[in-house]
Protein backbone atom coordinates (compact mmCIF):
# COMPACT_ATOMS: atom_id res chain seq x y z
CA MET A 1 90.79 -19.18 43.54
CA ARG A 2 88.69 -21.74 41.95
CA ALA A 3 86.06 -20.21 39.11
CA ILE A 4 82.38 -20.93 39.89
CA PRO A 5 80.65 -22.35 36.53
CA GLN A 6 77.94 -20.14 35.46
CA LYS A 7 74.60 -21.71 34.63
CA GLU A 8 73.48 -20.98 31.06
CA ARG A 9 70.41 -18.38 30.24
CA PRO A 10 68.77 -17.38 27.18
CA GLY A 11 70.52 -14.51 25.38
CA VAL A 12 73.83 -14.81 27.65
CA GLU A 13 76.75 -16.67 27.11
CA LEU A 14 80.19 -16.99 28.75
CA ASN A 15 83.64 -16.36 27.34
CA THR A 16 86.92 -18.21 28.22
CA ASN A 17 86.95 -16.38 31.46
CA ASN A 18 83.51 -17.33 32.31
CA VAL A 19 82.75 -13.65 32.06
CA ILE A 20 79.04 -13.28 30.96
CA LYS A 21 78.24 -11.59 27.48
CA LEU A 22 75.08 -10.46 26.56
CA LYS A 23 73.48 -11.27 22.98
CA ARG A 24 71.75 -8.47 20.90
CA LYS A 25 68.53 -8.97 19.29
CA ARG A 26 67.94 -8.03 15.71
CA ILE A 27 65.17 -5.68 15.56
CA LYS A 28 62.99 -6.23 12.12
CA LYS A 29 61.85 -3.22 10.31
CA ILE A 30 58.15 -2.92 9.36
CA ASN A 31 57.01 -2.00 5.77
CA PRO A 32 55.38 1.45 5.72
CA LEU A 33 53.01 0.23 2.86
CA TRP A 34 51.33 -2.05 5.73
CA ILE A 35 50.99 0.97 7.87
CA ILE A 36 49.22 3.08 5.15
CA ALA A 37 46.99 -0.10 4.32
CA GLY A 38 45.92 -0.37 7.64
CA LEU A 39 44.93 3.21 8.23
CA LEU A 40 42.84 3.31 4.80
CA ALA A 41 41.20 0.38 6.06
CA ALA A 42 40.65 1.68 9.71
CA ILE A 43 39.14 4.83 7.70
CA LEU A 44 36.93 2.62 5.59
CA ILE A 45 35.45 0.84 8.48
CA ALA A 46 34.60 4.23 10.30
CA VAL A 47 33.06 5.31 6.95
CA LEU A 48 30.96 2.23 6.58
CA VAL A 49 29.99 2.39 10.18
CA ILE A 50 28.76 6.19 9.55
CA LEU A 51 26.82 5.24 6.64
CA VAL A 52 25.14 2.53 8.40
CA ARG A 53 24.16 4.32 11.58
CA GLY A 54 23.36 7.51 10.47
CA GLY A 55 22.53 7.59 6.94
CA ALA A 56 24.15 9.33 3.92
CA GLU A 57 23.18 12.86 3.21
CA GLY A 58 22.74 14.89 0.14
CA ILE A 59 22.07 18.22 -1.12
CA ALA A 60 18.67 18.80 -3.01
CA GLU A 61 19.29 20.74 -6.32
CA THR A 62 17.47 22.09 -8.96
CA GLY A 63 17.42 19.48 -12.08
CA SER A 64 15.60 17.30 -15.05
CA VAL A 65 14.76 13.60 -15.50
CA THR A 66 13.37 12.06 -18.54
CA VAL A 67 12.74 8.45 -19.29
CA ASP A 68 10.98 6.14 -20.99
CA VAL A 69 9.20 3.45 -19.35
CA ASP A 70 7.79 0.12 -20.81
CA TYR A 71 4.22 -1.37 -19.07
CA ASN A 72 1.88 -4.26 -19.69
CA ALA A 73 -1.64 -2.10 -19.57
CA VAL A 74 -5.15 -2.91 -19.93
CA ILE A 75 -7.81 -0.42 -21.37
CA VAL A 76 -10.57 0.81 -19.72
CA ARG A 77 -13.96 1.99 -21.41
CA LYS A 78 -16.81 3.91 -20.84
CA GLU A 79 -19.41 1.22 -21.92
CA LYS A 80 -22.69 -0.33 -21.34
CA VAL A 81 -23.67 -3.99 -21.86
CA ILE A 82 -26.94 -4.36 -23.44
CA THR A 83 -28.64 -7.83 -22.29
CA SER A 84 -31.30 -9.63 -23.63
CA GLU A 85 -33.17 -13.04 -23.45
CA ALA A 86 -31.15 -16.36 -23.95
CA PHE A 87 -30.37 -16.82 -27.53
CA ASP A 88 -28.56 -19.11 -29.89
CA LEU A 89 -28.49 -17.34 -33.40
CA ALA A 90 -28.65 -13.40 -34.10
CA ASP A 91 -28.73 -11.54 -37.07
CA TYR A 92 -26.59 -7.80 -37.08
CA PHE A 93 -27.63 -5.14 -38.87
CA ALA A 94 -25.47 -2.63 -37.32
CA GLU A 95 -21.75 -2.92 -38.48
CA GLU A 96 -19.24 -3.68 -35.73
CA GLY A 97 -17.66 -0.46 -34.68
CA ALA A 98 -20.20 1.56 -35.93
CA TRP A 99 -21.34 4.73 -34.31
CA VAL A 100 -25.21 4.61 -34.09
CA GLU A 101 -27.94 6.92 -32.61
CA PRO A 102 -31.02 5.85 -30.40
CA ASP A 103 -33.46 3.84 -32.45
CA THR A 104 -31.11 2.13 -34.76
CA LYS A 105 -31.95 -1.37 -35.51
CA ILE A 106 -28.84 -3.45 -34.17
CA MET A 107 -29.71 -7.00 -34.23
CA GLN A 108 -32.23 -9.31 -34.26
CA ILE A 109 -31.71 -12.71 -31.73
CA TYR A 110 -33.34 -16.17 -31.99
CA ARG A 111 -34.55 -17.62 -28.86
CA ARG A 112 -33.48 -20.96 -28.21
CA GLY A 113 -35.73 -23.37 -29.76
CA TYR A 114 -36.16 -21.43 -32.87
CA SER A 115 -37.33 -23.39 -35.83
CA GLU A 116 -36.07 -21.93 -39.56
CA GLU A 117 -38.90 -24.66 -40.84
CA GLN A 118 -41.74 -21.82 -38.97
CA ALA A 119 -40.21 -19.21 -40.81
CA ALA A 120 -40.06 -21.13 -44.01
CA ALA A 121 -43.66 -21.89 -43.70
CA LEU A 122 -44.91 -18.11 -43.12
CA MET A 123 -42.75 -17.11 -46.44
CA ARG A 124 -44.58 -19.65 -48.28
CA LYS A 125 -48.20 -18.72 -46.77
CA HIS A 126 -47.36 -14.96 -47.61
CA ALA A 127 -46.84 -16.05 -51.01
CA GLU A 128 -50.03 -17.95 -51.58
CA ILE A 129 -51.65 -14.77 -49.98
CA TYR A 130 -50.19 -12.58 -52.58
CA ASP A 131 -51.42 -15.34 -55.54
CA GLU A 132 -54.69 -14.72 -54.33
CA GLN A 133 -54.54 -10.86 -53.58
CA LEU A 134 -53.10 -10.48 -57.31
CA ALA A 135 -56.47 -12.62 -58.86
CA LEU A 136 -58.27 -9.94 -57.29
CA LEU A 137 -56.05 -7.42 -58.01
CA GLY A 138 -55.85 -7.80 -61.85
CA GLU A 139 -53.42 -6.28 -63.88
CA THR A 140 -53.26 -3.16 -61.62
CA ARG A 141 -50.14 -2.27 -59.77
CA ASP A 142 -49.43 1.07 -57.93
CA LYS A 143 -46.39 2.37 -56.78
CA THR A 144 -46.17 0.86 -53.43
CA ILE A 145 -46.72 -2.40 -54.69
CA ARG A 146 -44.37 -2.16 -57.61
CA GLY A 147 -41.52 -1.31 -54.57
CA TYR A 148 -42.26 -4.03 -52.60
CA ASP A 149 -41.77 -6.29 -55.30
CA GLU A 150 -38.59 -5.02 -56.33
CA LEU A 151 -37.40 -5.08 -52.89
CA ILE A 152 -38.41 -8.46 -52.49
CA ALA A 153 -36.93 -9.49 -55.73
CA LEU A 154 -33.69 -8.36 -54.74
CA LEU A 155 -33.39 -9.98 -51.41
CA GLU A 156 -34.19 -13.42 -53.33
CA GLU A 157 -31.56 -12.68 -55.50
CA ASN A 158 -29.04 -11.60 -52.48
CA ILE A 159 -29.90 -15.01 -50.66
CA ALA A 160 -29.33 -17.02 -53.32
CA GLU A 161 -25.79 -15.52 -53.80
CA GLU A 162 -24.99 -16.14 -50.48
CA LEU A 163 -26.22 -19.56 -50.58
CA MET A 164 -23.82 -19.83 -53.03
CA ALA A 165 -20.99 -18.43 -51.16
CA GLY A 166 -21.84 -20.68 -47.71
CA ASN A 167 -22.34 -17.64 -45.71
CA SER A 168 -25.10 -19.02 -43.42
CA ALA A 169 -25.34 -16.01 -41.38
CA GLU A 170 -25.91 -13.51 -43.99
CA VAL A 171 -28.43 -16.12 -45.27
CA ARG A 172 -30.31 -15.79 -42.01
CA ARG A 173 -30.06 -11.94 -41.92
CA GLN A 174 -31.56 -11.58 -45.57
CA GLU A 175 -33.96 -14.01 -44.92
CA ALA A 176 -35.40 -12.40 -41.89
CA GLU A 177 -35.46 -8.77 -44.12
CA LEU A 178 -37.44 -11.18 -46.97
CA LEU A 179 -39.96 -12.05 -44.46
CA ASP A 180 -40.50 -8.69 -43.29
CA ALA A 181 -41.23 -7.27 -46.57
CA LEU A 182 -43.34 -10.01 -47.42
CA ALA A 183 -45.32 -9.48 -44.13
CA SER A 184 -45.60 -5.80 -44.94
CA ARG A 185 -46.78 -6.21 -48.68
CA THR A 186 -49.45 -8.78 -47.42
CA ASP A 187 -50.76 -6.21 -44.88
CA TYR A 188 -50.62 -3.22 -47.42
CA LEU A 189 -53.09 -5.26 -49.84
CA ARG A 190 -55.23 -6.58 -46.92
CA GLU A 191 -55.89 -3.13 -46.02
CA ASN A 192 -56.63 -2.13 -49.60
CA LEU A 193 -58.49 -5.05 -50.83
CA GLN A 194 -62.19 -6.44 -50.48
CA GLU A 195 -61.67 -9.58 -48.19
CA THR A 196 -62.84 -13.01 -49.32
CA GLU A 197 -63.42 -16.13 -47.80
CA THR A 198 -60.26 -17.59 -48.93
CA LEU A 199 -58.03 -14.70 -48.00
CA ARG A 200 -59.57 -14.81 -44.80
CA ALA A 201 -58.71 -18.22 -44.26
CA LEU A 202 -54.80 -17.65 -45.55
CA TYR A 203 -55.00 -14.10 -43.52
CA SER A 204 -55.85 -16.71 -40.31
CA GLN A 205 -53.28 -19.03 -41.27
CA ALA A 206 -50.52 -16.62 -41.86
CA ASP A 207 -51.49 -14.90 -38.52
CA ALA A 208 -50.82 -17.78 -36.67
CA LEU A 209 -47.46 -18.63 -37.99
CA ALA A 210 -46.62 -14.96 -37.47
CA GLU A 211 -47.24 -15.39 -34.04
CA VAL A 212 -45.44 -18.55 -33.56
CA VAL A 213 -42.12 -17.21 -35.49
CA GLU A 214 -42.56 -13.63 -33.54
CA THR A 215 -41.70 -15.54 -30.19
CA GLN A 216 -38.96 -16.90 -31.42
CA ARG A 217 -37.19 -13.93 -32.50
CA HIS A 218 -37.00 -10.40 -31.24
CA VAL A 219 -35.55 -7.22 -32.62
CA LEU A 220 -33.00 -4.86 -30.64
CA TYR A 221 -32.68 -0.93 -31.09
CA SER A 222 -30.46 1.04 -29.25
CA GLN A 223 -31.36 3.46 -26.67
CA GLU A 224 -28.74 5.56 -26.53
CA SER A 225 -25.62 6.53 -28.78
CA GLY A 226 -22.28 4.79 -29.08
CA PHE A 227 -19.89 2.80 -30.95
CA VAL A 228 -21.44 -0.75 -31.13
CA SER A 229 -19.55 -3.96 -30.41
CA PHE A 230 -20.54 -7.32 -30.53
CA TYR A 231 -17.12 -8.48 -28.82
CA PHE A 232 -17.25 -9.87 -25.01
CA ASP A 233 -14.23 -10.56 -22.85
CA ASP A 234 -16.27 -11.19 -19.89
CA TYR A 235 -14.68 -8.04 -17.74
CA GLU A 236 -16.80 -5.39 -19.43
CA ASN A 237 -18.58 -4.98 -16.00
CA ALA A 238 -15.48 -5.02 -13.74
CA LEU A 239 -13.36 -2.61 -16.19
CA ASN A 240 -15.32 -0.03 -16.96
CA ALA A 241 -15.09 3.98 -16.26
CA ASP A 242 -17.08 3.97 -13.58
CA LYS A 243 -15.26 1.65 -11.53
CA LEU A 244 -11.95 3.01 -12.17
CA SER A 245 -11.91 4.41 -8.09
CA ILE A 246 -12.27 0.85 -6.85
CA LEU A 247 -9.79 -0.95 -9.02
CA THR A 248 -7.67 -3.19 -7.63
CA SER A 249 -4.20 -4.78 -8.55
CA ASP A 250 -5.62 -8.52 -8.08
CA LEU A 251 -8.15 -7.43 -11.14
CA VAL A 252 -5.40 -5.73 -13.11
CA SER A 253 -3.03 -8.68 -12.71
CA SER A 254 -5.00 -11.03 -13.39
CA VAL A 255 -6.54 -9.34 -16.88
CA ILE A 256 -2.83 -9.00 -17.78
CA LYS A 257 -1.66 -12.28 -17.31
CA GLY A 258 -4.79 -13.94 -18.96
CA LYS A 259 -4.17 -11.53 -22.03
CA GLY A 260 -8.18 -10.69 -22.04
CA GLY A 261 -8.99 -11.64 -25.42
CA ALA A 262 -12.50 -10.99 -26.88
CA ALA A 263 -14.72 -13.22 -28.63
CA TRP A 264 -17.73 -12.67 -31.25
CA THR A 265 -21.21 -13.04 -29.14
CA THR A 266 -23.11 -15.86 -31.38
CA ALA A 267 -25.02 -17.32 -28.41
CA SER A 268 -25.70 -16.08 -25.10
CA ASP A 269 -27.43 -16.30 -22.02
CA THR A 270 -27.61 -12.35 -21.41
CA SER A 271 -25.16 -10.42 -23.35
CA ALA A 272 -26.34 -9.00 -26.86
CA TYR A 273 -24.24 -6.28 -27.82
CA ARG A 274 -22.28 -3.27 -26.20
CA LEU A 275 -22.40 0.77 -26.50
CA VAL A 276 -18.88 2.32 -26.09
CA GLY A 277 -18.56 5.85 -25.35
CA GLY A 278 -17.01 7.80 -27.87
CA ASP A 279 -15.33 10.69 -25.56
CA GLU A 280 -12.57 9.05 -23.47
CA TRP A 281 -10.79 5.85 -22.53
CA TYR A 282 -8.26 4.70 -20.05
CA CYS A 283 -4.84 3.22 -19.57
CA VAL A 284 -4.32 1.05 -16.41
CA PHE A 285 -1.00 -0.31 -15.39
CA LEU A 286 0.79 -1.60 -12.26
CA THR A 287 4.02 -0.25 -10.29
CA GLY A 288 5.34 -1.38 -7.05
CA ALA A 289 4.28 0.37 -4.09
CA ASP A 290 7.73 0.70 -3.22
CA GLU A 291 8.85 2.13 -6.39
CA ALA A 292 9.78 5.62 -6.98
CA LEU A 293 8.35 6.08 -10.30
CA ARG A 294 4.40 6.28 -10.97
CA CYS A 295 2.03 8.83 -12.37
CA VAL A 296 1.07 11.45 -10.34
CA GLY A 297 -2.49 12.84 -10.39
CA GLY A 298 -3.58 15.62 -12.84
CA ARG A 299 -0.13 15.79 -14.73
CA SER A 300 0.11 14.98 -18.70
CA TYR A 301 1.85 12.11 -20.15
CA SER A 302 3.27 11.11 -23.43
CA ILE A 303 2.18 7.68 -23.75
CA ALA A 304 2.46 4.94 -26.98
CA ALA A 305 0.51 1.87 -27.63
CA LYS A 306 2.35 -0.48 -29.65
CA GLY A 307 1.00 -1.12 -33.05
CA HIS A 308 -1.71 1.76 -32.48
CA GLY A 309 -0.33 5.20 -31.86
CA THR A 310 1.16 8.08 -29.49
CA TYR A 311 -1.11 9.90 -27.32
CA THR A 312 -1.56 12.64 -24.64
CA ALA A 313 -2.82 11.15 -21.28
CA VAL A 314 -3.51 12.89 -17.83
CA ALA A 315 -3.36 10.84 -14.59
CA LEU A 316 -5.78 10.05 -12.38
CA GLU A 317 -4.49 9.93 -8.66
CA PRO A 318 -2.62 6.38 -8.12
CA ILE A 319 -4.54 3.83 -5.96
CA VAL A 320 -2.19 2.12 -3.58
CA SER A 321 -3.74 -1.74 -3.73
CA GLY A 322 -1.74 -4.00 -1.35
CA LYS A 323 2.09 -4.14 -2.61
CA LYS A 324 1.32 -2.41 -5.98
CA VAL A 325 -0.03 1.10 -7.26
CA VAL A 326 -2.62 0.99 -9.71
CA ASN A 327 -1.71 3.67 -12.47
CA ILE A 328 -4.70 5.28 -14.39
CA LEU A 329 -4.25 7.56 -17.63
CA LYS A 330 -6.82 9.20 -18.95
CA VAL A 331 -6.94 9.53 -23.12
CA GLU A 332 -9.45 12.17 -24.58
CA GLY A 333 -11.20 11.04 -27.70
CA ALA A 334 -12.91 8.27 -29.46
CA PRO A 335 -11.44 4.76 -28.81
CA THR A 336 -12.01 3.42 -31.90
CA GLU A 337 -8.72 1.37 -32.06
CA PHE A 338 -9.53 -0.09 -28.88
CA LEU A 339 -13.21 -1.16 -29.08
CA ASN A 340 -12.30 -4.81 -29.05
CA THR A 341 -8.89 -4.51 -27.26
CA ARG A 342 -8.00 -5.26 -23.89
CA CYS A 343 -4.01 -5.75 -22.98
CA ILE A 344 -1.67 -3.44 -24.74
CA GLU A 345 1.91 -2.87 -24.52
CA LEU A 346 2.03 0.92 -23.42
CA THR A 347 5.36 3.16 -23.17
CA VAL A 348 5.00 5.95 -20.85
CA ARG A 349 7.58 8.88 -20.98
CA PHE A 350 8.32 10.76 -17.34
CA ASP A 351 9.64 14.19 -17.92
CA ALA A 352 9.85 16.65 -15.50
CA SER A 353 12.15 19.52 -14.29
CA ASP A 354 12.22 20.35 -10.71
CA ILE A 355 13.58 19.69 -7.05
CA CYS A 356 16.29 16.83 -7.71
CA VAL A 357 17.91 14.34 -5.11
CA SER A 358 19.11 11.24 -4.92
CA LYS A 359 16.88 7.94 -5.48
CA GLN A 360 17.95 6.43 -2.55
CA ALA A 361 16.24 9.64 -0.65
CA ILE A 362 13.04 8.19 -1.53
CA GLN A 363 11.45 5.88 1.28
CA PHE A 364 7.96 5.10 1.73
CA GLU A 365 4.94 4.80 4.35
CA ASN A 366 1.84 2.60 3.52
CA GLY A 367 2.76 3.03 -0.45
CA VAL A 368 3.43 6.76 -0.43
CA PRO A 369 6.87 8.16 -1.30
CA TYR A 370 8.57 10.66 1.42
CA ILE A 371 11.89 12.05 2.12
CA GLU A 372 13.43 13.22 5.17
CA LEU A 373 14.82 16.97 5.72
CA LEU A 374 17.40 17.71 7.92
CA LEU A 375 16.53 21.53 8.98
CA SER A 376 18.05 23.68 11.38
CA ASP A 377 15.50 22.73 13.71
CA GLY A 378 15.41 19.18 13.53
CA LYS A 379 14.90 16.23 10.89
CA TYR A 380 11.32 15.85 9.20
CA CYS A 381 9.75 13.42 6.76
CA ILE A 382 7.74 15.17 4.19
CA PHE A 383 5.50 13.15 1.54
CA VAL A 384 6.46 13.83 -1.94
CA ASN A 385 5.25 13.07 -5.38
CA VAL A 386 8.25 11.40 -7.92
CA LEU A 387 7.48 13.37 -10.95
CA SER A 388 10.34 11.39 -12.72
CA ALA A 389 13.04 9.20 -11.94
CA ASP A 390 16.14 7.33 -13.46
CA ASP A 391 18.51 4.81 -11.61
CA LYS A 392 20.45 7.42 -9.76
CA ARG A 393 18.02 10.71 -9.73
CA ALA A 394 14.64 11.45 -8.35
CA VAL A 395 12.48 14.88 -9.54
CA ILE A 396 10.20 15.69 -6.65
CA ASN A 397 7.70 18.24 -5.34
CA VAL A 398 5.72 18.46 -2.16
CA ARG A 399 2.07 16.54 -1.85
CA GLU A 400 -0.33 19.28 -2.04
CA ASP A 401 -2.81 16.76 -0.30
CA ARG A 402 -1.12 16.08 3.05
CA GLY A 403 -1.95 19.45 4.95
CA TYR A 404 1.54 20.51 5.42
CA ALA A 405 2.11 24.28 6.74
CA ASP A 406 3.38 26.86 4.41
CA SER A 407 6.64 26.87 6.19
CA ARG A 408 6.98 22.93 5.71
CA ARG A 409 5.75 23.11 2.36
CA SER A 410 8.43 25.96 1.17
CA SER A 411 11.38 24.25 2.93
CA LEU A 412 11.97 21.85 0.00
CA LEU A 413 14.23 23.97 -1.97
CA ASP A 414 17.44 23.05 -4.04
CA THR A 415 20.39 23.39 -1.13
CA VAL A 416 18.29 21.84 1.61
CA ARG A 417 19.98 18.95 2.92
CA TYR A 418 18.10 15.35 2.89
CA LYS A 419 18.86 12.00 4.52
CA LYS A 420 19.46 8.96 2.09
CA LYS A 421 18.56 6.42 4.65
CA GLN A 422 15.57 5.80 6.51
CA GLU A 423 15.58 5.97 10.49
CA ASN A 424 12.78 5.40 12.77
CA LEU A 425 11.35 9.00 13.03
CA ASN A 426 7.80 10.23 13.72
CA TYR A 427 6.56 11.55 10.59
CA GLY A 428 6.05 15.16 9.92
CA ARG A 429 2.51 16.44 8.84
C-alpha cells in the first residue's frame, strides 16, 4: 500500500512513518508585579473619579489658627478741608500738627495780585504818622505805648535775622505781624491825641493804603477744634471717614499704586488747611473676593504699621467690590503719626479658635464665603465667617446676618461632615 503525503499545517509535523505529531506551545509566565501595579492604577483611577465627581469630604473639629499677613493699606481720617479764595502766598501762624481750638489764628493768605510794595508803603506811612504823633505827645509814654514800641522793635529785629538766614516765608509772616502792630499803635494814639490837619491828611493816606492791602490778604481762623495740617494729597474728600460705606476697590487700588504722597500747600485755588479729628482713624486694604482670609465685622485685630507702631483695631463690615473685598479697620485714638501719611505697610494678625475645617471647604457666592454641610436630611450650603486661615485649615463660624433658622445655625458643630468641593446645589438660607 502506498502512503499518501500529508499537507503541512502550522503546529503539525510528520514523523518518518508519515504519522501526524502535534507540537506543544510554551506558555509565558506573567510577572506578579505587573498585576499588582495594574490593580493599584485601577484603584487610583477610581479614587480620582470619586473625588472629581462627588467631592472629598471632611469632618469639622475644634481648632485654632494664628497667622500674620502683610498688606499694602491706606489711611483714612476724619478730616475737614478748609477752603479759601485763590492765593499765591500764605503766612502760617499755627504749627503743623498742632491741636487748635475754635477761633485760633491759623494762617494769612495773600490773594492773587498781592503786591509787597503796597504793604511796605503802608509801614512807612505808619512810621511817618508816629513821628507826627510824638511831636504832639512830647516825652510822655504810657504803658500801652511802651508795650507797642517794644513789640515793634522785637519784630523788626526778628525780620532782620530771618533776612540774614534767607527765610523769606518767615520774613513775610513777621512783616504781617509788624504791620498789624504798627496799625494798632497808630489807632491807639489816634483815639487819644488831638487831631491836626497834618495828622488828618496822614490818617487819610494810611486808610487808603490799608484798604488796598486788606483786599489783598485775609486771615483765617479755625471754626472748630482739631489737628491742623497744611499738607494735601487730593484724596481728603474721597478717602474720608464719612465715606467709608461707599469705598470701592478701584479707588483704594489707585491710591496704593500712586503711593498717595502729600505736599505742603503754598498756593491754591481752593484748599487752605485741614482739620483732623482726634478720636479715631482707619486702615483700609484689599483682599480677593475668592480669598478665604478677610476681616470680620466687629472682631478685634492686632495690627502693626511699619515704621510707626502696633495698635488694636476693630473691623467694620467688609465691602465686596468687584473682584476684591475692601477691609476696614478702625483704630481708637489720635492719628498724630498719620496726619500726612496715606499709604502704609500693614501687618494684620488673624488669631481665632472655633470650628476648624479644611481650607478647601471654603466656597464663595458673590464674594461671600460658605461651606457645604452633609447633614442627615440632606446637603446644605451655609454662609460663614472665616476668622483665620493658613494654607491648609480655616477657622469659621456662622454668619449671624443671614437669617438662618436656629436648627441650621446650630448644625455647624465639630464632628459634622462637610464637602471640600463645590457642586451645583441650591443654597440654604
